[in-house]
Amino acid sequence: MFVVLVTYKKPLEIVDKYLADHAVFLDQGYEKNYFIVSGRKNPRTGGVIISQLKDRSQLEGILKRDPFHIQEIADYEIIEFIPGKYHSDFSAFIIDENGM
C-alpha cells in the first residue's frame, strides 16, 4: 500500500487549468482499483493519494500519466507502508502477501 504526497511546484492558476484533467485521471484510477482515496492538502499546496497497489513500479507508471506530472505541475513522494491495524470497513482494500 502506498501514500502519495503530491506537491505543487507551479502557481495555483496553472494547477487550476489542469484540475479537470487531473480529476479524470483520478476517476480512471478509481475505476481500475488503483486508488482508495485522494484529496487536497490544507493549505492547498498539493494533494494526497492512497493506493492499495503492491507494486511500486506499477504505481510510478500510473502516476506518470497524471496531467500534473505530464505538465510538470507537481512532484510526487511515494511512501510504501504495510497496514498493521485498520478499521474493519477498510479490510476490503488490504492485500496480503498472497495477493488476497
PDB file of N, CA and C in Angstrom:
ATOM      1  N   MET A   1       0.853  -1.158   0.000  1.00  0.00           N
ATOM      2  CA  MET A   1       0.000   0.000   0.000  1.00  0.00           C
ATOM      3  C   MET A   1       0.905   1.228   0.000  1.00  0.00           C
ATOM      4  N   PHE A   2       0.422   2.295  -0.604  1.00  0.00           N
ATOM      5  CA  PHE A   2       1.240   3.499  -0.746  1.00  0.00           C
ATOM      6  C   PHE A   2       0.450   4.758  -0.408  1.00  0.00           C
ATOM      7  N   VAL A   3       1.151   5.711   0.148  1.00  0.00           N
ATOM      8  CA  VAL A   3       0.668   7.084   0.284  1.00  0.00           C
ATOM      9  C   VAL A   3       1.483   7.898  -0.699  1.00  0.00           C
ATOM     10  N   VAL A   4       0.807   8.661  -1.536  1.00  0.00           N
ATOM     11  CA  VAL A   4       1.474   9.528  -2.496  1.00  0.00           C
ATOM     12  C   VAL A   4       1.220  10.968  -2.067  1.00  0.00           C
ATOM     13  N   LEU A   5       2.297  11.670  -1.754  1.00  0.00           N
ATOM     14  CA  LEU A   5       2.194  13.088  -1.418  1.00  0.00           C
ATOM     15  C   LEU A   5       2.514  13.889  -2.671  1.00  0.00           C
ATOM     16  N   VAL A   6       1.537  14.652  -3.105  1.00  0.00           N
ATOM     17  CA  VAL A   6       1.661  15.466  -4.316  1.00  0.00           C
ATOM     18  C   VAL A   6       1.918  16.906  -3.861  1.00  0.00           C
ATOM     19  N   THR A   7       2.982  17.507  -4.378  1.00  0.00           N
ATOM     20  CA  THR A   7       3.320  18.878  -4.003  1.00  0.00           C
ATOM     21  C   THR A   7       3.403  19.731  -5.257  1.00  0.00           C
ATOM     22  N   TYR A   8       2.578  20.783  -5.278  1.00  0.00           N
ATOM     23  CA  TYR A   8       2.588  21.680  -6.433  1.00  0.00           C
ATOM     24  C   TYR A   8       3.907  22.421  -6.511  1.00  0.00           C
ATOM     25  N   LYS A   9       4.394  22.578  -7.742  1.00  0.00           N
ATOM     26  CA  LYS A   9       5.591  23.390  -7.963  1.00  0.00           C
ATOM     27  C   LYS A   9       5.313  24.537  -8.925  1.00  0.00           C
ATOM     28  N   LYS A  10       4.047  24.712  -9.266  1.00  0.00           N
ATOM     29  CA  LYS A  10       3.606  25.832 -10.110  1.00  0.00           C
ATOM     30  C   LYS A  10       2.496  26.574  -9.365  1.00  0.00           C
ATOM     31  N   PRO A  11       2.229  27.814  -9.737  1.00  0.00           N
ATOM     32  CA  PRO A  11       1.170  28.588  -9.078  1.00  0.00           C
ATOM     33  C   PRO A  11      -0.208  27.937  -9.259  1.00  0.00           C
ATOM     34  N   LEU A  12      -1.112  28.230  -8.324  1.00  0.00           N
ATOM     35  CA  LEU A  12      -2.457  27.648  -8.366  1.00  0.00           C
ATOM     36  C   LEU A  12      -3.204  27.988  -9.653  1.00  0.00           C
ATOM     37  N   GLU A  13      -2.889  29.119 -10.274  1.00  0.00           N
ATOM     38  CA  GLU A  13      -3.556  29.463 -11.537  1.00  0.00           C
ATOM     39  C   GLU A  13      -3.255  28.401 -12.601  1.00  0.00           C
ATOM     40  N   ILE A  14      -2.052  27.884 -12.604  1.00  0.00           N
ATOM     41  CA  ILE A  14      -1.685  26.829 -13.565  1.00  0.00           C
ATOM     42  C   ILE A  14      -2.274  25.500 -13.121  1.00  0.00           C
ATOM     43  N   VAL A  15      -2.216  25.216 -11.822  1.00  0.00           N
ATOM     44  CA  VAL A  15      -2.829  23.988 -11.285  1.00  0.00           C
ATOM     45  C   VAL A  15      -4.288  23.925 -11.713  1.00  0.00           C
ATOM     46  N   ASP A  16      -5.000  25.026 -11.532  1.00  0.00           N
ATOM     47  CA  ASP A  16      -6.436  25.056 -11.842  1.00  0.00           C
ATOM     48  C   ASP A  16      -6.728  24.805 -13.316  1.00  0.00           C
ATOM     49  N   LYS A  17      -5.813  25.180 -14.214  1.00  0.00           N
ATOM     50  CA  LYS A  17      -6.013  24.928 -15.648  1.00  0.00           C
ATOM     51  C   LYS A  17      -6.072  23.431 -15.955  1.00  0.00           C
ATOM     52  N   TYR A  18      -5.385  22.628 -15.155  1.00  0.00           N
ATOM     53  CA  TYR A  18      -5.294  21.184 -15.411  1.00  0.00           C
ATOM     54  C   TYR A  18      -6.058  20.354 -14.384  1.00  0.00           C
ATOM     55  N   LEU A  19      -6.803  21.013 -13.516  1.00  0.00           N
ATOM     56  CA  LEU A  19      -7.506  20.312 -12.447  1.00  0.00           C
ATOM     57  C   LEU A  19      -8.559  19.345 -12.981  1.00  0.00           C
ATOM     58  N   ALA A  20      -9.306  19.742 -13.990  1.00  0.00           N
ATOM     59  CA  ALA A  20     -10.335  18.862 -14.562  1.00  0.00           C
ATOM     60  C   ALA A  20      -9.687  17.622 -15.186  1.00  0.00           C
ATOM     61  N   ASP A  21      -8.573  17.808 -15.887  1.00  0.00           N
ATOM     62  CA  ASP A  21      -7.860  16.673 -16.477  1.00  0.00           C
ATOM     63  C   ASP A  21      -7.311  15.752 -15.384  1.00  0.00           C
ATOM     64  N   HIS A  22      -6.813  16.338 -14.326  1.00  0.00           N
ATOM     65  CA  HIS A  22      -6.307  15.554 -13.191  1.00  0.00           C
ATOM     66  C   HIS A  22      -7.454  14.749 -12.567  1.00  0.00           C
ATOM     67  N   ALA A  23      -8.625  15.355 -12.446  1.00  0.00           N
ATOM     68  CA  ALA A  23      -9.790  14.651 -11.884  1.00  0.00           C
ATOM     69  C   ALA A  23     -10.174  13.454 -12.756  1.00  0.00           C
ATOM     70  N   VAL A  24     -10.098  13.594 -14.065  1.00  0.00           N
ATOM     71  CA  VAL A  24     -10.371  12.475 -14.977  1.00  0.00           C
ATOM     72  C   VAL A  24      -9.352  11.362 -14.744  1.00  0.00           C
ATOM     73  N   PHE A  25      -8.083  11.731 -14.616  1.00  0.00           N
ATOM     74  CA  PHE A  25      -7.028  10.762 -14.315  1.00  0.00           C
ATOM     75  C   PHE A  25      -7.357   9.998 -13.032  1.00  0.00           C
ATOM     76  N   LEU A  26      -7.753  10.714 -11.979  1.00  0.00           N
ATOM     77  CA  LEU A  26      -8.109  10.066 -10.718  1.00  0.00           C
ATOM     78  C   LEU A  26      -9.311   9.149 -10.891  1.00  0.00           C
ATOM     79  N   ASP A  27     -10.333   9.615 -11.598  1.00  0.00           N
ATOM     80  CA  ASP A  27     -11.527   8.784 -11.830  1.00  0.00           C
ATOM     81  C   ASP A  27     -11.148   7.473 -12.509  1.00  0.00           C
ATOM     82  N   GLN A  28     -10.276   7.542 -13.482  1.00  0.00           N
ATOM     83  CA  GLN A  28      -9.827   6.327 -14.170  1.00  0.00           C
ATOM     84  C   GLN A  28      -9.086   5.410 -13.203  1.00  0.00           C
ATOM     85  N   GLY A  29      -8.305   5.988 -12.309  1.00  0.00           N
ATOM     86  CA  GLY A  29      -7.602   5.202 -11.301  1.00  0.00           C
ATOM     87  C   GLY A  29      -8.539   4.509 -10.333  1.00  0.00           C
ATOM     88  N   TYR A  30      -9.634   5.182  -9.990  1.00  0.00           N
ATOM     89  CA  TYR A  30     -10.635   4.544  -9.124  1.00  0.00           C
ATOM     90  C   TYR A  30     -11.343   3.415  -9.862  1.00  0.00           C
ATOM     91  N   GLU A  31     -11.686   3.646 -11.131  1.00  0.00           N
ATOM     92  CA  GLU A  31     -12.356   2.613 -11.927  1.00  0.00           C
ATOM     93  C   GLU A  31     -11.502   1.351 -12.051  1.00  0.00           C
ATOM     94  N   LYS A  32     -10.187   1.520 -12.098  1.00  0.00           N
ATOM     95  CA  LYS A  32      -9.273   0.385 -12.256  1.00  0.00           C
ATOM     96  C   LYS A  32      -8.763  -0.140 -10.912  1.00  0.00           C
ATOM     97  N   ASN A  33      -9.340   0.385  -9.818  1.00  0.00           N
ATOM     98  CA  ASN A  33      -8.967  -0.029  -8.456  1.00  0.00           C
ATOM     99  C   ASN A  33      -7.503   0.238  -8.122  1.00  0.00           C
ATOM    100  N   TYR A  34      -6.965   1.322  -8.644  1.00  0.00           N
ATOM    101  CA  TYR A  34      -5.606   1.726  -8.304  1.00  0.00           C
ATOM    102  C   TYR A  34      -5.585   2.552  -7.016  1.00  0.00           C
ATOM    103  N   PHE A  35      -6.642   3.348  -6.798  1.00  0.00           N
ATOM    104  CA  PHE A  35      -6.682   4.309  -5.706  1.00  0.00           C
ATOM    105  C   PHE A  35      -7.818   4.008  -4.748  1.00  0.00           C
ATOM    106  N   ILE A  36      -7.601   4.362  -3.467  1.00  0.00           N
ATOM    107  CA  ILE A  36      -8.618   4.204  -2.433  1.00  0.00           C
ATOM    108  C   ILE A  36      -9.253   5.547  -2.093  1.00  0.00           C
ATOM    109  N   VAL A  37      -8.418   6.549  -1.943  1.00  0.00           N
ATOM    110  CA  VAL A  37      -8.893   7.879  -1.552  1.00  0.00           C
ATOM    111  C   VAL A  37      -7.878   8.913  -2.038  1.00  0.00           C
ATOM    112  N   SER A  38      -8.358  10.101  -2.281  1.00  0.00           N
ATOM    113  CA  SER A  38      -7.478  11.203  -2.679  1.00  0.00           C
ATOM    114  C   SER A  38      -8.121  12.508  -2.246  1.00  0.00           C
ATOM    115  N   GLY A  39      -7.298  13.538  -2.144  1.00  0.00           N
ATOM    116  CA  GLY A  39      -7.840  14.838  -1.777  1.00  0.00           C
ATOM    117  C   GLY A  39      -6.749  15.887  -1.694  1.00  0.00           C
ATOM    118  N   ARG A  40      -7.192  17.115  -1.498  1.00  0.00           N
ATOM    119  CA  ARG A  40      -6.279  18.262  -1.412  1.00  0.00           C
ATOM    120  C   ARG A  40      -5.641  18.346  -0.037  1.00  0.00           C
ATOM    121  N   LYS A  41      -4.416  18.844  -0.011  1.00  0.00           N
ATOM    122  CA  LYS A  41      -3.800  19.217   1.254  1.00  0.00           C
ATOM    123  C   LYS A  41      -4.445  20.524   1.713  1.00  0.00           C
ATOM    124  N   ASN A  42      -4.399  20.757   3.004  1.00  0.00           N
ATOM    125  CA  ASN A  42      -4.897  22.008   3.558  1.00  0.00           C
ATOM    126  C   ASN A  42      -3.800  22.581   4.444  1.00  0.00           C
ATOM    127  N   PRO A  43      -3.149  23.678   4.060  1.00  0.00           N
ATOM    128  CA  PRO A  43      -3.470  24.570   2.954  1.00  0.00           C
ATOM    129  C   PRO A  43      -3.211  23.906   1.599  1.00  0.00           C
ATOM    130  N   ARG A  44      -3.729  24.524   0.569  1.00  0.00           N
ATOM    131  CA  ARG A  44      -3.726  23.948  -0.775  1.00  0.00           C
ATOM    132  C   ARG A  44      -2.349  24.060  -1.430  1.00  0.00           C
ATOM    133  N   THR A  45      -1.486  23.153  -1.051  1.00  0.00           N
ATOM    134  CA  THR A  45      -0.128  23.100  -1.593  1.00  0.00           C
ATOM    135  C   THR A  45       0.098  21.830  -2.409  1.00  0.00           C
ATOM    136  N   GLY A  46      -0.931  21.033  -2.554  1.00  0.00           N
ATOM    137  CA  GLY A  46      -0.836  19.767  -3.265  1.00  0.00           C
ATOM    138  C   GLY A  46      -1.951  18.852  -2.844  1.00  0.00           C
ATOM    139  N   GLY A  47      -1.681  17.553  -2.876  1.00  0.00           N
ATOM    140  CA  GLY A  47      -2.706  16.594  -2.523  1.00  0.00           C
ATOM    141  C   GLY A  47      -2.115  15.311  -1.983  1.00  0.00           C
ATOM    142  N   VAL A  48      -3.005  14.378  -1.670  1.00  0.00           N
ATOM    143  CA  VAL A  48      -2.639  13.070  -1.147  1.00  0.00           C
ATOM    144  C   VAL A  48      -3.447  12.026  -1.890  1.00  0.00           C
ATOM    145  N   ILE A  49      -2.801  10.939  -2.268  1.00  0.00           N
ATOM    146  CA  ILE A  49      -3.472   9.803  -2.893  1.00  0.00           C
ATOM    147  C   ILE A  49      -3.062   8.570  -2.096  1.00  0.00           C
ATOM    148  N   ILE A  50      -4.015   7.717  -1.766  1.00  0.00           N
ATOM    149  CA  ILE A  50      -3.696   6.433  -1.142  1.00  0.00           C
ATOM    150  C   ILE A  50      -4.044   5.345  -2.141  1.00  0.00           C
ATOM    151  N   SER A  51      -3.075   4.464  -2.363  1.00  0.00           N
ATOM    152  CA  SER A  51      -3.221   3.384  -3.341  1.00  0.00           C
ATOM    153  C   SER A  51      -3.013   2.042  -2.660  1.00  0.00           C
ATOM    154  N   GLN A  52      -3.841   1.068  -3.015  1.00  0.00           N
ATOM    155  CA  GLN A  52      -3.702  -0.269  -2.468  1.00  0.00           C
ATOM    156  C   GLN A  52      -2.815  -1.166  -3.321  1.00  0.00           C
ATOM    157  N   LEU A  53      -2.221  -0.622  -4.368  1.00  0.00           N
ATOM    158  CA  LEU A  53      -1.331  -1.418  -5.209  1.00  0.00           C
ATOM    159  C   LEU A  53      -0.156  -1.945  -4.391  1.00  0.00           C
ATOM    160  N   LYS A  54       0.417  -3.053  -4.821  1.00  0.00           N
ATOM    161  CA  LYS A  54       1.574  -3.631  -4.133  1.00  0.00           C
ATOM    162  C   LYS A  54       2.873  -3.379  -4.881  1.00  0.00           C
ATOM    163  N   ASP A  55       2.783  -3.012  -6.138  1.00  0.00           N
ATOM    164  CA  ASP A  55       3.964  -2.871  -6.991  1.00  0.00           C
ATOM    165  C   ASP A  55       4.277  -1.387  -7.185  1.00  0.00           C
ATOM    166  N   ARG A  56       5.384  -0.944  -6.595  1.00  0.00           N
ATOM    167  CA  ARG A  56       5.774   0.467  -6.678  1.00  0.00           C
ATOM    168  C   ARG A  56       5.987   0.910  -8.123  1.00  0.00           C
ATOM    169  N   SER A  57       6.634   0.064  -8.931  1.00  0.00           N
ATOM    170  CA  SER A  57       6.902   0.459 -10.317  1.00  0.00           C
ATOM    171  C   SER A  57       5.598   0.607 -11.104  1.00  0.00           C
ATOM    172  N   GLN A  58       4.596  -0.207 -10.799  1.00  0.00           N
ATOM    173  CA  GLN A  58       3.293  -0.047 -11.446  1.00  0.00           C
ATOM    174  C   GLN A  58       2.685   1.304 -11.078  1.00  0.00           C
ATOM    175  N   LEU A  59       2.740   1.647  -9.795  1.00  0.00           N
ATOM    176  CA  LEU A  59       2.198   2.933  -9.345  1.00  0.00           C
ATOM    177  C   LEU A  59       2.960   4.088  -9.989  1.00  0.00           C
ATOM    178  N   GLU A  60       4.272   3.987 -10.046  1.00  0.00           N
ATOM    179  CA  GLU A  60       5.068   5.053 -10.672  1.00  0.00           C
ATOM    180  C   GLU A  60       4.661   5.236 -12.132  1.00  0.00           C
ATOM    181  N   GLY A  61       4.434   4.142 -12.840  1.00  0.00           N
ATOM    182  CA  GLY A  61       3.997   4.228 -14.232  1.00  0.00           C
ATOM    183  C   GLY A  61       2.643   4.886 -14.371  1.00  0.00           C
ATOM    184  N   ILE A  62       1.742   4.566 -13.460  1.00  0.00           N
ATOM    185  CA  ILE A  62       0.404   5.176 -13.479  1.00  0.00           C
ATOM    186  C   ILE A  62       0.506   6.675 -13.221  1.00  0.00           C
ATOM    187  N   LEU A  63       1.295   7.064 -12.229  1.00  0.00           N
ATOM    188  CA  LEU A  63       1.420   8.484 -11.889  1.00  0.00           C
ATOM    189  C   LEU A  63       2.042   9.293 -13.019  1.00  0.00           C
ATOM    190  N   LYS A  64       2.842   8.673 -13.847  1.00  0.00           N
ATOM    191  CA  LYS A  64       3.428   9.384 -14.994  1.00  0.00           C
ATOM    192  C   LYS A  64       2.373   9.788 -16.017  1.00  0.00           C
ATOM    193  N   ARG A  65       1.189   9.215 -15.932  1.00  0.00           N
ATOM    194  CA  ARG A  65       0.094   9.574 -16.844  1.00  0.00           C
ATOM    195  C   ARG A  65      -0.783  10.699 -16.286  1.00  0.00           C
ATOM    196  N   ASP A  66      -0.495  11.113 -15.063  1.00  0.00           N
ATOM    197  CA  ASP A  66      -1.235  12.217 -14.449  1.00  0.00           C
ATOM    198  C   ASP A  66      -0.890  13.507 -15.181  1.00  0.00           C
ATOM    199  N   PRO A  67      -1.895  14.270 -15.611  1.00  0.00           N
ATOM    200  CA  PRO A  67      -1.610  15.555 -16.262  1.00  0.00           C
ATOM    201  C   PRO A  67      -0.726  16.479 -15.413  1.00  0.00           C
ATOM    202  N   PHE A  68      -0.819  16.377 -14.092  1.00  0.00           N
ATOM    203  CA  PHE A  68       0.055  17.189 -13.239  1.00  0.00           C
ATOM    204  C   PHE A  68       1.516  16.779 -13.423  1.00  0.00           C
ATOM    205  N   HIS A  69       1.769  15.522 -13.685  1.00  0.00           N
ATOM    206  CA  HIS A  69       3.138  15.066 -13.960  1.00  0.00           C
ATOM    207  C   HIS A  69       3.551  15.466 -15.377  1.00  0.00           C
ATOM    208  N   ILE A  70       2.677  15.202 -16.334  1.00  0.00           N
ATOM    209  CA  ILE A  70       2.981  15.496 -17.743  1.00  0.00           C
ATOM    210  C   ILE A  70       3.293  16.975 -17.934  1.00  0.00           C
ATOM    211  N   GLN A  71       2.543  17.839 -17.274  1.00  0.00           N
ATOM    212  CA  GLN A  71       2.725  19.289 -17.408  1.00  0.00           C
ATOM    213  C   GLN A  71       3.747  19.849 -16.414  1.00  0.00           C
ATOM    214  N   GLU A  72       4.405  18.965 -15.661  1.00  0.00           N
ATOM    215  CA  GLU A  72       5.410  19.361 -14.674  1.00  0.00           C
ATOM    216  C   GLU A  72       4.867  20.353 -13.655  1.00  0.00           C
ATOM    217  N   ILE A  73       3.650  20.069 -13.205  1.00  0.00           N
ATOM    218  CA  ILE A  73       2.973  20.925 -12.236  1.00  0.00           C
ATOM    219  C   ILE A  73       3.256  20.487 -10.807  1.00  0.00           C
ATOM    220  N   ALA A  74       3.552  19.196 -10.617  1.00  0.00           N
ATOM    221  CA  ALA A  74       3.692  18.679  -9.258  1.00  0.00           C
ATOM    222  C   ALA A  74       4.821  17.663  -9.159  1.00  0.00           C
ATOM    223  N   ASP A  75       5.342  17.544  -7.941  1.00  0.00           N
ATOM    224  CA  ASP A  75       6.273  16.485  -7.588  1.00  0.00           C
ATOM    225  C   ASP A  75       5.508  15.452  -6.771  1.00  0.00           C
ATOM    226  N   TYR A  76       5.996  14.212  -6.797  1.00  0.00           N
ATOM    227  CA  TYR A  76       5.333  13.101  -6.117  1.00  0.00           C
ATOM    228  C   TYR A  76       6.317  12.429  -5.172  1.00  0.00           C
ATOM    229  N   GLU A  77       5.927  12.271  -3.931  1.00  0.00           N
ATOM    230  CA  GLU A  77       6.679  11.473  -2.970  1.00  0.00           C
ATOM    231  C   GLU A  77       5.848  10.230  -2.685  1.00  0.00           C
ATOM    232  N   ILE A  78       6.424   9.066  -2.945  1.00  0.00           N
ATOM    233  CA  ILE A  78       5.708   7.806  -2.755  1.00  0.00           C
ATOM    234  C   ILE A  78       6.250   7.141  -1.494  1.00  0.00           C
ATOM    235  N   ILE A  79       5.342   6.869  -0.560  1.00  0.00           N
ATOM    236  CA  ILE A  79       5.703   6.235   0.704  1.00  0.00           C
ATOM    237  C   ILE A  79       4.994   4.884   0.763  1.00  0.00           C
ATOM    238  N   GLU A  80       5.777   3.820   0.808  1.00  0.00           N
ATOM    239  CA  GLU A  80       5.180   2.489   0.928  1.00  0.00           C
ATOM    240  C   GLU A  80       5.017   2.150   2.402  1.00  0.00           C
ATOM    241  N   PHE A  81       3.875   1.525   2.732  1.00  0.00           N
ATOM    242  CA  PHE A  81       3.686   1.068   4.105  1.00  0.00           C
ATOM    243  C   PHE A  81       2.869  -0.216   4.113  1.00  0.00           C
ATOM    244  N   ILE A  82       3.005  -0.951   5.192  1.00  0.00           N
ATOM    245  CA  ILE A  82       2.271  -2.197   5.375  1.00  0.00           C
ATOM    246  C   ILE A  82       1.275  -1.970   6.500  1.00  0.00           C
ATOM    247  N   PRO A  83      -0.023  -1.963   6.178  1.00  0.00           N
ATOM    248  CA  PRO A  83      -1.019  -1.728   7.227  1.00  0.00           C
ATOM    249  C   PRO A  83      -0.960  -2.813   8.299  1.00  0.00           C
ATOM    250  N   GLY A  84      -0.838  -2.385   9.534  1.00  0.00           N
ATOM    251  CA  GLY A  84      -0.840  -3.316  10.652  1.00  0.00           C
ATOM    252  C   GLY A  84      -2.179  -3.346  11.354  1.00  0.00           C
ATOM    253  N   LYS A  85      -2.802  -2.208  11.431  1.00  0.00           N
ATOM    254  CA  LYS A  85      -4.127  -2.089  12.039  1.00  0.00           C
ATOM    255  C   LYS A  85      -4.984  -1.236  11.123  1.00  0.00           C
ATOM    256  N   TYR A  86      -6.253  -1.562  11.067  1.00  0.00           N
ATOM    257  CA  TYR A  86      -7.178  -0.801  10.236  1.00  0.00           C
ATOM    258  C   TYR A  86      -8.598  -1.086  10.667  1.00  0.00           C
ATOM    259  N   HIS A  87      -9.490  -0.163  10.373  1.00  0.00           N
ATOM    260  CA  HIS A  87     -10.914  -0.308  10.649  1.00  0.00           C
ATOM    261  C   HIS A  87     -11.455  -1.469   9.830  1.00  0.00           C
ATOM    262  N   SER A  88     -12.371  -2.218  10.372  1.00  0.00           N
ATOM    263  CA  SER A  88     -12.912  -3.388   9.668  1.00  0.00           C
ATOM    264  C   SER A  88     -13.533  -3.018   8.320  1.00  0.00           C
ATOM    265  N   ASP A  89     -14.087  -1.832   8.199  1.00  0.00           N
ATOM    266  CA  ASP A  89     -14.666  -1.404   6.923  1.00  0.00           C
ATOM    267  C   ASP A  89     -13.584  -1.207   5.851  1.00  0.00           C
ATOM    268  N   PHE A  90     -12.355  -1.092   6.270  1.00  0.00           N
ATOM    269  CA  PHE A  90     -11.239  -0.866   5.363  1.00  0.00           C
ATOM    270  C   PHE A  90     -10.632  -2.175   4.856  1.00  0.00           C
ATOM    271  N   SER A  91     -11.030  -3.290   5.426  1.00  0.00           N
ATOM    272  CA  SER A  91     -10.398  -4.575   5.130  1.00  0.00           C
ATOM    273  C   SER A  91     -10.479  -4.975   3.660  1.00  0.00           C
ATOM    274  N   ALA A  92     -11.460  -4.516   2.931  1.00  0.00           N
ATOM    275  CA  ALA A  92     -11.588  -4.850   1.506  1.00  0.00           C
ATOM    276  C   ALA A  92     -10.401  -4.330   0.693  1.00  0.00           C
ATOM    277  N   PHE A  93      -9.694  -3.350   1.223  1.00  0.00           N
ATOM    278  CA  PHE A  93      -8.575  -2.752   0.498  1.00  0.00           C
ATOM    279  C   PHE A  93      -7.220  -3.348   0.868  1.00  0.00           C
ATOM    280  N   ILE A  94      -7.195  -4.220   1.847  1.00  0.00           N
ATOM    281  CA  ILE A  94      -5.950  -4.792   2.322  1.00  0.00           C
ATOM    282  C   ILE A  94      -5.626  -6.042   1.502  1.00  0.00           C
ATOM    283  N   ILE A  95      -4.429  -6.051   0.931  1.00  0.00           N
ATOM    284  CA  ILE A  95      -3.962  -7.184   0.141  1.00  0.00           C
ATOM    285  C   ILE A  95      -2.823  -7.823   0.927  1.00  0.00           C
ATOM    286  N   ASP A  96      -2.952  -9.111   1.224  1.00  0.00           N
ATOM    287  CA  ASP A  96      -1.889  -9.781   1.980  1.00  0.00           C
ATOM    288  C   ASP A  96      -0.765 -10.242   1.049  1.00  0.00           C
ATOM    289  N   GLU A  97       0.199 -10.936   1.599  1.00  0.00           N
ATOM    290  CA  GLU A  97       1.349 -11.386   0.820  1.00  0.00           C
ATOM    291  C   GLU A  97       0.960 -12.305  -0.333  1.00  0.00           C
ATOM    292  N   ASN A  98      -0.184 -12.971  -0.239  1.00  0.00           N
ATOM    293  CA  ASN A  98      -0.635 -13.884  -1.277  1.00  0.00           C
ATOM    294  C   ASN A  98      -1.463 -13.187  -2.349  1.00  0.00           C
ATOM    295  N   GLY A  99      -1.566 -11.848  -2.252  1.00  0.00           N
ATOM    296  CA  GLY A  99      -2.344 -11.104  -3.234  1.00  0.00           C
ATOM    297  C   GLY A  99      -3.831 -11.123  -2.968  1.00  0.00           C
ATOM    298  N   MET A 100      -4.205 -11.544  -1.784  1.00  0.00           N
ATOM    299  CA  MET A 100      -5.630 -11.627  -1.418  1.00  0.00           C
ATOM    300  C   MET A 100      -6.048 -10.417  -0.612  1.00  0.00           C
TER     301      MET A 100
END
